[in-house]
């Protein structure tokens, strides 16, 4: 999977060097847009810091990514907030030009996605890291907790497989039926770590009142998320690719990601 991310990054960066990228501002996209001179983005709320509502306005990393794409092509931006269950239908009907796939469990239908994040599962530990868990091998012989049936549970058992292959003692993995309970053994000091998905891990780590935070680098990627474009809208798909590629090549993407506290492993462009 990591090789695929690097390949895609190189492909997008190559677009920046192409003459077409230099003329991106002069390409007339109106025939590919829902509204003239406007990029209409369907956003389902995914929580802080990704896409959230404050003071009646949808904000966050995903919104600023959309703003950058619109600006790259001299377009106004219209954000249409939608329920998750109506996001794909709005895209298919042409009511929005692009949609945020972080809000979806998986993309279906005829769509193409320009990624801006990789999401997966993270290791969470007590703030201050009193048990000094800095790498996966530090979990050997320790107690961890997971949500039953989750990708985090699969991550924990995969790590135990790696420990067995290396002749290390496995983790003692305790499964809980709901994610709301998974952190309790760590928060109470009875376990050394727990595994949860990206959206929750980032939000918890950003909360100064939280007792836990993620360990950067202990990450299992699951899928890419970003802007979904209708599969038959090649012109807009290429325009979004060019805009994101330019952000990556100029460092704007990295600065934006870092400003929202999103760790390096969440970037598809490394």
C-alpha atoms as a PDB file:
ATOM      1  CA  UNK A   1       0.000   0.000   0.000  1.00  0.00           C
ATOM      2  CA  UNK A   2       2.835   2.412   0.843  1.00  0.00           C
ATOM      3  CA  UNK A   3       4.319   1.835  -2.627  1.00  0.00           C
ATOM      4  CA  UNK A   4       0.974   2.733  -4.213  1.00  0.00           C
ATOM      5  CA  UNK A   5       0.830   5.977  -2.235  1.00  0.00           C
ATOM      6  CA  UNK A   6       4.356   6.930  -3.385  1.00  0.00           C
ATOM      7  CA  UNK A   7       3.533   6.096  -6.993  1.00  0.00           C
ATOM      8  CA  UNK A   8       0.440   8.286  -6.923  1.00  0.00           C
ATOM      9  CA  UNK A   9       2.400  11.110  -5.311  1.00  0.00           C
ATOM     10  CA  UNK A  10       5.021  11.005  -8.060  1.00  0.00           C
ATOM     11  CA  UNK A  11       2.332  10.951 -10.725  1.00  0.00           C
ATOM     12  CA  UNK A  12       0.608  14.004  -9.304  1.00  0.00           C
ATOM     13  CA  UNK A  13       3.850  15.870  -8.809  1.00  0.00           C
ATOM     14  CA  UNK A  14       4.703  15.211 -12.442  1.00  0.00           C
ATOM     15  CA  UNK A  15       1.525  17.043 -13.386  1.00  0.00           C
ATOM     16  CA  UNK A  16       2.901  20.215 -11.845  1.00  0.00           C
ATOM     17  CA  UNK A  17       5.868  20.144 -14.186  1.00  0.00           C
ATOM     18  CA  UNK A  18       3.652  19.657 -17.228  1.00  0.00           C
ATOM     19  CA  UNK A  19       2.602  22.662 -19.325  1.00  0.00           C
ATOM     20  CA  UNK A  20      -1.042  21.953 -18.564  1.00  0.00           C
ATOM     21  CA  UNK A  21      -0.442  22.695 -14.886  1.00  0.00           C
ATOM     22  CA  UNK A  22       0.997  26.084 -15.696  1.00  0.00           C
ATOM     23  CA  UNK A  23      -2.141  26.982 -17.638  1.00  0.00           C
ATOM     24  CA  UNK A  24      -4.610  25.608 -15.078  1.00  0.00           C
ATOM     25  CA  UNK A  25      -6.005  29.093 -14.388  1.00  0.00           C
ATOM     26  CA  UNK A  26      -6.958  29.518 -18.042  1.00  0.00           C
ATOM     27  CA  UNK A  27      -8.866  26.276 -18.547  1.00  0.00           C
ATOM     28  CA  UNK A  28     -12.596  26.924 -18.855  1.00  0.00           C
ATOM     29  CA  UNK A  29     -14.212  24.472 -16.461  1.00  0.00           C
ATOM     30  CA  UNK A  30     -17.759  25.790 -16.663  1.00  0.00           C
ATOM     31  CA  UNK A  31     -19.023  22.917 -18.784  1.00  0.00           C
ATOM     32  CA  UNK A  32     -17.812  20.564 -16.040  1.00  0.00           C
ATOM     33  CA  UNK A  33     -19.359  22.511 -13.129  1.00  0.00           C
ATOM     34  CA  UNK A  34     -22.790  22.606 -11.546  1.00  0.00           C
ATOM     35  CA  UNK A  35     -22.755  26.423 -11.333  1.00  0.00           C
ATOM     36  CA  UNK A  36     -20.852  28.841 -13.526  1.00  0.00           C
ATOM     37  CA  UNK A  37     -17.453  29.936 -12.170  1.00  0.00           C
ATOM     38  CA  UNK A  38     -18.148  28.096  -8.908  1.00  0.00           C
ATOM     39  CA  UNK A  39     -16.844  24.865  -7.409  1.00  0.00           C
ATOM     40  CA  UNK A  40     -19.737  23.285  -5.517  1.00  0.00           C
ATOM     41  CA  UNK A  41     -18.464  20.943  -2.824  1.00  0.00           C
ATOM     42  CA  UNK A  42     -20.680  18.500  -0.974  1.00  0.00           C
ATOM     43  CA  UNK A  43     -19.468  18.160   2.608  1.00  0.00           C
ATOM     44  CA  UNK A  44     -20.803  15.743   5.192  1.00  0.00           C
ATOM     45  CA  UNK A  45     -19.506  16.621   8.646  1.00  0.00           C
ATOM     46  CA  UNK A  46     -16.658  14.385   9.777  1.00  0.00           C
ATOM     47  CA  UNK A  47     -15.771  16.141  13.047  1.00  0.00           C
ATOM     48  CA  UNK A  48     -12.941  18.372  14.171  1.00  0.00           C
ATOM     49  CA  UNK A  49     -10.530  19.175  12.680  1.00  0.00           C
ATOM     50  CA  UNK A  50     -11.656  17.662   9.365  1.00  0.00           C
ATOM     51  CA  UNK A  51     -15.105  19.161   8.672  1.00  0.00           C
ATOM     52  CA  UNK A  52     -17.270  20.634  11.414  1.00  0.00           C
ATOM     53  CA  UNK A  53     -19.779  23.411  11.964  1.00  0.00           C
ATOM     54  CA  UNK A  54     -19.088  26.422  14.148  1.00  0.00           C
ATOM     55  CA  UNK A  55     -21.112  29.638  14.337  1.00  0.00           C
ATOM     56  CA  UNK A  56     -23.278  28.329  11.525  1.00  0.00           C
ATOM     57  CA  UNK A  57     -20.314  27.886   9.147  1.00  0.00           C
ATOM     58  CA  UNK A  58     -18.745  24.624   7.954  1.00  0.00           C
ATOM     59  CA  UNK A  59     -15.006  24.770   8.658  1.00  0.00           C
ATOM     60  CA  UNK A  60     -11.962  22.524   8.839  1.00  0.00           C
ATOM     61  CA  UNK A  61      -9.150  20.911   6.904  1.00  0.00           C
ATOM     62  CA  UNK A  62     -11.437  19.476   4.234  1.00  0.00           C
ATOM     63  CA  UNK A  63     -13.041  22.861   3.615  1.00  0.00           C
ATOM     64  CA  UNK A  64      -9.663  24.581   3.296  1.00  0.00           C
ATOM     65  CA  UNK A  65      -8.552  21.912   0.824  1.00  0.00           C
ATOM     66  CA  UNK A  66     -11.641  22.711  -1.262  1.00  0.00           C
ATOM     67  CA  UNK A  67     -10.914  26.435  -0.994  1.00  0.00           C
ATOM     68  CA  UNK A  68      -7.392  25.864  -2.315  1.00  0.00           C
ATOM     69  CA  UNK A  69      -8.670  23.854  -5.287  1.00  0.00           C
ATOM     70  CA  UNK A  70     -11.221  26.537  -6.159  1.00  0.00           C
ATOM     71  CA  UNK A  71      -8.624  29.299  -5.815  1.00  0.00           C
ATOM     72  CA  UNK A  72      -6.172  27.442  -8.074  1.00  0.00           C
ATOM     73  CA  UNK A  73      -8.702  27.645 -10.905  1.00  0.00           C
ATOM     74  CA  UNK A  74     -10.054  31.121 -10.174  1.00  0.00           C
ATOM     75  CA  UNK A  75     -13.385  29.788  -8.946  1.00  0.00           C
ATOM     76  CA  UNK A  76     -15.694  30.781  -6.138  1.00  0.00           C
ATOM     77  CA  UNK A  77     -16.439  28.070  -3.583  1.00  0.00           C
ATOM     78  CA  UNK A  78     -19.887  26.955  -2.482  1.00  0.00           C
ATOM     79  CA  UNK A  79     -20.002  24.449   0.374  1.00  0.00           C
ATOM     80  CA  UNK A  80     -23.177  22.388   0.535  1.00  0.00           C
ATOM     81  CA  UNK A  81     -23.588  20.561   3.808  1.00  0.00           C
ATOM     82  CA  UNK A  82     -25.239  17.172   3.307  1.00  0.00           C
ATOM     83  CA  UNK A  83     -26.108  14.161   5.463  1.00  0.00           C
ATOM     84  CA  UNK A  84     -23.724  11.277   4.909  1.00  0.00           C
ATOM     85  CA  UNK A  85     -26.475   9.157   3.427  1.00  0.00           C
ATOM     86  CA  UNK A  86     -27.185  11.710   0.677  1.00  0.00           C
ATOM     87  CA  UNK A  87     -23.618  12.602  -0.290  1.00  0.00           C
ATOM     88  CA  UNK A  88     -23.126  10.053  -3.064  1.00  0.00           C
ATOM     89  CA  UNK A  89     -26.585  10.639  -4.522  1.00  0.00           C
ATOM     90  CA  UNK A  90     -25.933  14.392  -4.748  1.00  0.00           C
ATOM     91  CA  UNK A  91     -22.663  13.743  -6.561  1.00  0.00           C
ATOM     92  CA  UNK A  92     -24.238  11.255  -8.973  1.00  0.00           C
ATOM     93  CA  UNK A  93     -27.066  13.687  -9.751  1.00  0.00           C
ATOM     94  CA  UNK A  94     -24.649  16.530 -10.442  1.00  0.00           C
ATOM     95  CA  UNK A  95     -25.981  18.636  -7.567  1.00  0.00           C
ATOM     96  CA  UNK A  96     -22.402  18.971  -6.308  1.00  0.00           C
ATOM     97  CA  UNK A  97     -19.154  18.842  -8.269  1.00  0.00           C
ATOM     98  CA  UNK A  98     -17.074  16.980  -5.690  1.00  0.00           C
ATOM     99  CA  UNK A  99     -17.707  15.326  -2.319  1.00  0.00           C
ATOM    100  CA  UNK A 100     -15.599  14.435   0.713  1.00  0.00           C
ATOM    101  CA  UNK A 101     -15.084  10.672   0.921  1.00  0.00           C
ATOM    102  CA  UNK A 102     -13.876  10.757   4.537  1.00  0.00           C
ATOM    103  CA  UNK A 103     -17.569  10.838   5.408  1.00  0.00           C
ATOM    104  CA  UNK A 104     -18.171   7.538   3.591  1.00  0.00           C
ATOM    105  CA  UNK A 105     -17.351   4.018   4.700  1.00  0.00           C
ATOM    106  CA  UNK A 106     -16.312   3.302   1.104  1.00  0.00           C
ATOM    107  CA  UNK A 107     -16.960   4.869  -2.283  1.00  0.00           C
ATOM    108  CA  UNK A 108     -19.481   3.174  -4.540  1.00  0.00           C
ATOM    109  CA  UNK A 109     -20.694   3.901  -8.034  1.00  0.00           C
ATOM    110  CA  UNK A 110     -18.752   5.492 -10.856  1.00  0.00           C
ATOM    111  CA  UNK A 111     -16.425   7.944  -9.081  1.00  0.00           C
ATOM    112  CA  UNK A 112     -12.759   8.910  -9.145  1.00  0.00           C
ATOM    113  CA  UNK A 113     -11.042  10.129  -6.002  1.00  0.00           C
ATOM    114  CA  UNK A 114      -8.189  12.602  -5.655  1.00  0.00           C
ATOM    115  CA  UNK A 115      -6.766  11.755  -2.211  1.00  0.00           C
ATOM    116  CA  UNK A 116      -5.650  14.226   0.416  1.00  0.00           C
ATOM    117  CA  UNK A 117      -5.445  11.896   3.435  1.00  0.00           C
ATOM    118  CA  UNK A 118      -4.702   8.313   4.354  1.00  0.00           C
ATOM    119  CA  UNK A 119      -6.744   6.993   7.272  1.00  0.00           C
ATOM    120  CA  UNK A 120      -6.434   3.871   9.338  1.00  0.00           C
ATOM    121  CA  UNK A 121      -5.765   2.835  12.923  1.00  0.00           C
ATOM    122  CA  UNK A 122      -3.549   4.399  15.581  1.00  0.00           C
ATOM    123  CA  UNK A 123      -2.109   3.466  18.934  1.00  0.00           C
ATOM    124  CA  UNK A 124      -3.295   5.615  21.845  1.00  0.00           C
ATOM    125  CA  UNK A 125      -1.459   5.867  25.187  1.00  0.00           C
ATOM    126  CA  UNK A 126      -1.706   7.918  28.373  1.00  0.00           C
ATOM    127  CA  UNK A 127      -0.580  11.534  28.064  1.00  0.00           C
ATOM    128  CA  UNK A 128       3.051  11.835  29.019  1.00  0.00           C
ATOM    129  CA  UNK A 129       3.526   8.237  27.867  1.00  0.00           C
ATOM    130  CA  UNK A 130       4.491   6.913  31.338  1.00  0.00           C
ATOM    131  CA  UNK A 131       4.937   3.374  30.012  1.00  0.00           C
ATOM    132  CA  UNK A 132       7.333   4.689  27.328  1.00  0.00           C
ATOM    133  CA  UNK A 133       5.570   3.126  24.341  1.00  0.00           C
ATOM    134  CA  UNK A 134       7.365   4.672  21.359  1.00  0.00           C
ATOM    135  CA  UNK A 135       7.435   1.832  18.823  1.00  0.00           C
ATOM    136  CA  UNK A 136       5.378  -1.282  18.147  1.00  0.00           C
ATOM    137  CA  UNK A 137       7.961  -3.564  19.743  1.00  0.00           C
ATOM    138  CA  UNK A 138       7.443  -1.718  23.039  1.00  0.00           C
ATOM    139  CA  UNK A 139       4.007  -3.351  23.136  1.00  0.00           C
ATOM    140  CA  UNK A 140       5.443  -6.867  23.413  1.00  0.00           C
ATOM    141  CA  UNK A 141       4.069  -8.494  26.552  1.00  0.00           C
ATOM    142  CA  UNK A 142       1.902  -5.466  27.355  1.00  0.00           C
ATOM    143  CA  UNK A 143      -1.873  -5.141  27.746  1.00  0.00           C
ATOM    144  CA  UNK A 144      -3.891  -3.400  25.038  1.00  0.00           C
ATOM    145  CA  UNK A 145      -7.570  -2.905  24.287  1.00  0.00           C
ATOM    146  CA  UNK A 146      -9.580  -2.828  21.063  1.00  0.00           C
ATOM    147  CA  UNK A 147     -13.154  -2.597  19.853  1.00  0.00           C
ATOM    148  CA  UNK A 148     -14.483  -5.990  18.830  1.00  0.00           C
ATOM    149  CA  UNK A 149     -14.784  -6.414  15.064  1.00  0.00           C
ATOM    150  CA  UNK A 150     -12.950  -3.180  14.265  1.00  0.00           C
ATOM    151  CA  UNK A 151      -9.956  -2.612  12.014  1.00  0.00           C
ATOM    152  CA  UNK A 152      -8.109  -1.682  15.212  1.00  0.00           C
ATOM    153  CA  UNK A 153      -8.648  -5.231  16.466  1.00  0.00           C
ATOM    154  CA  UNK A 154      -7.249  -6.531  13.175  1.00  0.00           C
ATOM    155  CA  UNK A 155      -4.219  -4.231  13.633  1.00  0.00           C
ATOM    156  CA  UNK A 156      -3.559  -5.593  17.124  1.00  0.00           C
ATOM    157  CA  UNK A 157      -3.754  -9.220  16.005  1.00  0.00           C
ATOM    158  CA  UNK A 158      -1.527  -8.486  12.994  1.00  0.00           C
ATOM    159  CA  UNK A 159       1.072  -7.026  15.373  1.00  0.00           C
ATOM    160  CA  UNK A 160       0.875 -10.149  17.523  1.00  0.00           C
ATOM    161  CA  UNK A 161       1.565 -12.168  14.396  1.00  0.00           C
ATOM    162  CA  UNK A 162       4.667 -10.062  13.782  1.00  0.00           C
ATOM    163  CA  UNK A 163       5.764 -10.525  17.395  1.00  0.00           C
ATOM    164  CA  UNK A 164       5.408 -14.291  17.066  1.00  0.00           C
ATOM    165  CA  UNK A 165       7.513 -14.288  13.903  1.00  0.00           C
ATOM    166  CA  UNK A 166      10.188 -12.281  15.706  1.00  0.00           C
ATOM    167  CA  UNK A 167      10.149 -14.523  18.791  1.00  0.00           C
ATOM    168  CA  UNK A 168       8.640 -11.767  20.981  1.00  0.00           C
ATOM    169  CA  UNK A 169       5.961 -12.144  23.629  1.00  0.00           C
ATOM    170  CA  UNK A 170       2.503 -11.208  22.259  1.00  0.00           C
ATOM    171  CA  UNK A 171       0.287  -8.448  23.593  1.00  0.00           C
ATOM    172  CA  UNK A 172      -2.622  -9.339  25.842  1.00  0.00           C
ATOM    173  CA  UNK A 173      -5.481  -7.966  23.730  1.00  0.00           C
ATOM    174  CA  UNK A 174      -8.815  -7.258  25.408  1.00  0.00           C
ATOM    175  CA  UNK A 175     -11.838  -6.660  23.147  1.00  0.00           C
ATOM    176  CA  UNK A 176     -14.789  -4.433  24.052  1.00  0.00           C
ATOM    177  CA  UNK A 177     -18.193  -4.450  22.325  1.00  0.00           C
ATOM    178  CA  UNK A 178     -18.345  -0.672  21.815  1.00  0.00           C
ATOM    179  CA  UNK A 179     -15.684   1.951  21.100  1.00  0.00           C
ATOM    180  CA  UNK A 180     -16.858   4.158  23.979  1.00  0.00           C
ATOM    181  CA  UNK A 181     -15.457   1.622  26.427  1.00  0.00           C
ATOM    182  CA  UNK A 182     -12.206   0.799  24.659  1.00  0.00           C
ATOM    183  CA  UNK A 183     -10.154   3.578  26.260  1.00  0.00           C
ATOM    184  CA  UNK A 184     -11.108   2.769  29.875  1.00  0.00           C
ATOM    185  CA  UNK A 185      -8.315   0.259  30.650  1.00  0.00           C
ATOM    186  CA  UNK A 186      -5.705   2.776  29.431  1.00  0.00           C
ATOM    187  CA  UNK A 187      -7.319   5.823  31.051  1.00  0.00           C
ATOM    188  CA  UNK A 188      -7.398   3.936  34.375  1.00  0.00           C
ATOM    189  CA  UNK A 189      -3.794   2.763  34.047  1.00  0.00           C
ATOM    190  CA  UNK A 190      -4.609  -0.943  33.708  1.00  0.00           C
ATOM    191  CA  UNK A 191      -3.446  -1.215  30.067  1.00  0.00           C
ATOM    192  CA  UNK A 192      -0.642   0.381  28.110  1.00  0.00           C
ATOM    193  CA  UNK A 193      -2.409   1.211  24.839  1.00  0.00           C
ATOM    194  CA  UNK A 194      -5.535   0.949  22.718  1.00  0.00           C
ATOM    195  CA  UNK A 195      -6.222   1.067  18.983  1.00  0.00           C
ATOM    196  CA  UNK A 196      -8.761   3.352  17.292  1.00  0.00           C
ATOM    197  CA  UNK A 197      -9.432   4.902  13.897  1.00  0.00           C
ATOM    198  CA  UNK A 198      -7.971   8.145  12.595  1.00  0.00           C
ATOM    199  CA  UNK A 199     -10.906  10.524  13.078  1.00  0.00           C
ATOM    200  CA  UNK A 200     -11.279   9.617  16.756  1.00  0.00           C
ATOM    201  CA  UNK A 201      -7.516   9.459  17.373  1.00  0.00           C
ATOM    202  CA  UNK A 202      -6.928  12.955  15.980  1.00  0.00           C
ATOM    203  CA  UNK A 203      -9.875  14.501  17.841  1.00  0.00           C
ATOM    204  CA  UNK A 204      -8.892  12.940  21.172  1.00  0.00           C
ATOM    205  CA  UNK A 205      -5.239  13.933  20.796  1.00  0.00           C
ATOM    206  CA  UNK A 206      -6.232  17.550  20.090  1.00  0.00           C
ATOM    207  CA  UNK A 207      -8.391  17.766  23.219  1.00  0.00           C
ATOM    208  CA  UNK A 208      -6.300  19.244  26.057  1.00  0.00           C
ATOM    209  CA  UNK A 209      -8.631  17.612  28.588  1.00  0.00           C
ATOM    210  CA  UNK A 210      -8.147  14.107  27.191  1.00  0.00           C
ATOM    211  CA  UNK A 211      -6.152  11.606  29.224  1.00  0.00           C
ATOM    212  CA  UNK A 212      -4.785   9.905  26.095  1.00  0.00           C
ATOM    213  CA  UNK A 213      -3.068  10.793  22.822  1.00  0.00           C
ATOM    214  CA  UNK A 214      -1.776   9.005  19.752  1.00  0.00           C
ATOM    215  CA  UNK A 215       1.760   7.708  19.280  1.00  0.00           C
ATOM    216  CA  UNK A 216       2.931   9.087  15.948  1.00  0.00           C
ATOM    217  CA  UNK A 217       4.333   6.454  13.613  1.00  0.00           C
ATOM    218  CA  UNK A 218       2.401   3.519  15.071  1.00  0.00           C
ATOM    219  CA  UNK A 219      -0.168   3.449  12.301  1.00  0.00           C
ATOM    220  CA  UNK A 220      -1.849   0.922  10.038  1.00  0.00           C
ATOM    221  CA  UNK A 221      -3.231   2.512   6.845  1.00  0.00           C
ATOM    222  CA  UNK A 222      -6.636   1.294   5.686  1.00  0.00           C
ATOM    223  CA  UNK A 223      -7.708   3.558   2.813  1.00  0.00           C
ATOM    224  CA  UNK A 224      -7.256   6.898   1.064  1.00  0.00           C
ATOM    225  CA  UNK A 225      -9.871   9.639   1.289  1.00  0.00           C
ATOM    226  CA  UNK A 226     -10.265  12.919  -0.538  1.00  0.00           C
ATOM    227  CA  UNK A 227     -12.349  14.564  -3.242  1.00  0.00           C
ATOM    228  CA  UNK A 228     -14.714  12.263  -5.116  1.00  0.00           C
ATOM    229  CA  UNK A 229     -15.514  13.366  -8.684  1.00  0.00           C
ATOM    230  CA  UNK A 230     -18.019  11.699 -10.994  1.00  0.00           C
ATOM    231  CA  UNK A 231     -16.293   9.111 -13.156  1.00  0.00           C
ATOM    232  CA  UNK A 232     -17.522  10.699 -16.390  1.00  0.00           C
ATOM    233  CA  UNK A 233     -16.229  14.170 -15.467  1.00  0.00           C
ATOM    234  CA  UNK A 234     -12.622  13.798 -16.629  1.00  0.00           C
ATOM    235  CA  UNK A 235     -12.093  17.516 -17.077  1.00  0.00           C
ATOM    236  CA  UNK A 236     -12.922  18.326 -13.470  1.00  0.00           C
ATOM    237  CA  UNK A 237     -11.057  15.269 -12.187  1.00  0.00           C
ATOM    238  CA  UNK A 238      -7.847  16.421 -13.903  1.00  0.00           C
ATOM    239  CA  UNK A 239      -8.369  19.987 -12.680  1.00  0.00           C
ATOM    240  CA  UNK A 240      -8.648  18.827  -9.066  1.00  0.00           C
ATOM    241  CA  UNK A 241      -5.559  16.602  -9.523  1.00  0.00           C
ATOM    242  CA  UNK A 242      -3.549  19.556 -10.837  1.00  0.00           C
ATOM    243  CA  UNK A 243      -4.601  21.785  -7.957  1.00  0.00           C
ATOM    244  CA  UNK A 244      -3.719  19.208  -5.285  1.00  0.00           C
ATOM    245  CA  UNK A 245      -0.423  18.415  -7.034  1.00  0.00           C
ATOM    246  CA  UNK A 246       0.498  22.088  -6.980  1.00  0.00           C
ATOM    247  CA  UNK A 247      -0.287  22.263  -3.255  1.00  0.00           C
ATOM    248  CA  UNK A 248       1.979  19.285  -2.590  1.00  0.00           C
ATOM    249  CA  UNK A 249       4.845  20.549  -4.757  1.00  0.00           C
ATOM    250  CA  UNK A 250       4.848  24.041  -3.219  1.00  0.00           C
ATOM    251  CA  UNK A 251       4.583  22.837   0.386  1.00  0.00           C
ATOM    252  CA  UNK A 252       1.131  24.382   0.846  1.00  0.00           C
ATOM    253  CA  UNK A 253      -0.418  20.977   1.495  1.00  0.00           C
ATOM    254  CA  UNK A 254       2.135  20.099   4.197  1.00  0.00           C
ATOM    255  CA  UNK A 255       1.661  23.461   5.947  1.00  0.00           C
ATOM    256  CA  UNK A 256      -2.118  23.091   5.883  1.00  0.00           C
ATOM    257  CA  UNK A 257      -1.949  19.537   7.226  1.00  0.00           C
ATOM    258  CA  UNK A 258       0.399  20.570  10.012  1.00  0.00           C
ATOM    259  CA  UNK A 259      -1.752  23.594  10.918  1.00  0.00           C
ATOM    260  CA  UNK A 260      -4.553  21.169  11.766  1.00  0.00           C
ATOM    261  CA  UNK A 261      -2.297  18.871  13.785  1.00  0.00           C
ATOM    262  CA  UNK A 262      -2.512  16.005  11.305  1.00  0.00           C
ATOM    263  CA  UNK A 263       0.578  13.753  11.603  1.00  0.00           C
ATOM    264  CA  UNK A 264       2.838  12.903   8.627  1.00  0.00           C
ATOM    265  CA  UNK A 265       1.557   9.333   8.296  1.00  0.00           C
ATOM    266  CA  UNK A 266      -1.808  10.711   7.164  1.00  0.00           C
ATOM    267  CA  UNK A 267      -0.295  12.181   4.007  1.00  0.00           C
ATOM    268  CA  UNK A 268      -0.526  10.124   0.773  1.00  0.00           C
ATOM    269  CA  UNK A 269       2.377  12.210  -0.577  1.00  0.00           C
ATOM    270  CA  UNK A 270       5.506  11.113   1.262  1.00  0.00           C
END
